[in-house]
């Protein structure tokens, strides 16, 4: 979830996966100021007073997102409209919190996109724990998806299941994001804010869960069918999963990060779909979003080479129509520019001596996807 994710030397429109999409820069002068600031979130080298001021501007621009949206004349591209939003859910004082939980402002990251942290074995073990928690919470949310439930009720499930595991829901108050997960329905690409929206038969929904445990974030998401979905919708969802699967399969020491986008875009294009370009995967660990920037489309960006100890997410967003997106007035919700559907799957992975470890891989109790049999072995 998402903000410009290329180097501070190349201000661009890419956005990493959990930052508000002010980065696209098509709203206002404020949006353009925010674009400049957010390009430092993954890669800035010094935390100047001006950057801090711009960070505060970003928080002011994003806002709390409560209640009914005021901009009713906004040209929404699909059938979905914002619903009523409830206040943020409470977290007991006993739950350890990330550094931004109180202020909404995480420390700016000093790493360039190609300067990637090499995690220790101890870090990796902590990441296994946080990623297992995120997987369990996402699986709990999946069991509640059905026609008639609201996205706010799904958020309640995610919140409570996270707390049960003595974890903090990482999205909560991250740059003032007001909820504990993201719920992106139909034409919403990512960062959909849970609200009173009722899921209907035939919808598809992505639920994006990140959990903070023992000082580390674990991040995963999946797209689910709501009732009876048409064949093209099913094909979109399955293709998106296959894009993720194929990308993970090439990961190992020595592979350039831009190969991920090559594999994903080539496969998605062959299936007649497009790859979202404004949002990307990201490094993760003690910091929610850091280098590398994991672009899901063909690119020549210098985002580094995989090494043992790198931990990052791959989270392709695949669209039925155009790859272009718009941002709703809440400054979080990203939707397809033509109103057609979008799907996403995400895993957190680690590069190892033997290749790759999928830290958020499904477990034996995880729900099967619609194309799988109960007897199938779950690879990830």
Foldseek 3Di string as FASTA:
>chain_A
DFAQAAELVDQDLAIADADFNLLVVPPDPLSVLLSNLRNQQFAAADDDPVSVVSLVSLLVQLDQPAAADPCPVDPDQADDDDAGADFADDADPQQDDAPQQPPLEDDRHHHHLARFDFADPVLVVQQLVQLQLQLVQQLQLQVPFAFFDFQVVSQVSSCVSLVVVSWQQVSPSNSNQGTSKAKAKFQWQTQHRTHRDTDHQQIKIKIWTWIADPLWIFIWIAIAHHHDHDPVVVVQRVLQVVLQVQLLVVFAFFAFLLVSLVSNQVSLVVVQKHWAFRYFKAFTTSDRHYHNTRGNHHDDGRSHTADARTKIKGKIKIWNDDNDWDHDSSSGTIGHPNHGGITITMFIWGHHNVGIDGSNFHDLPRDDGPVDDNPDDGPD
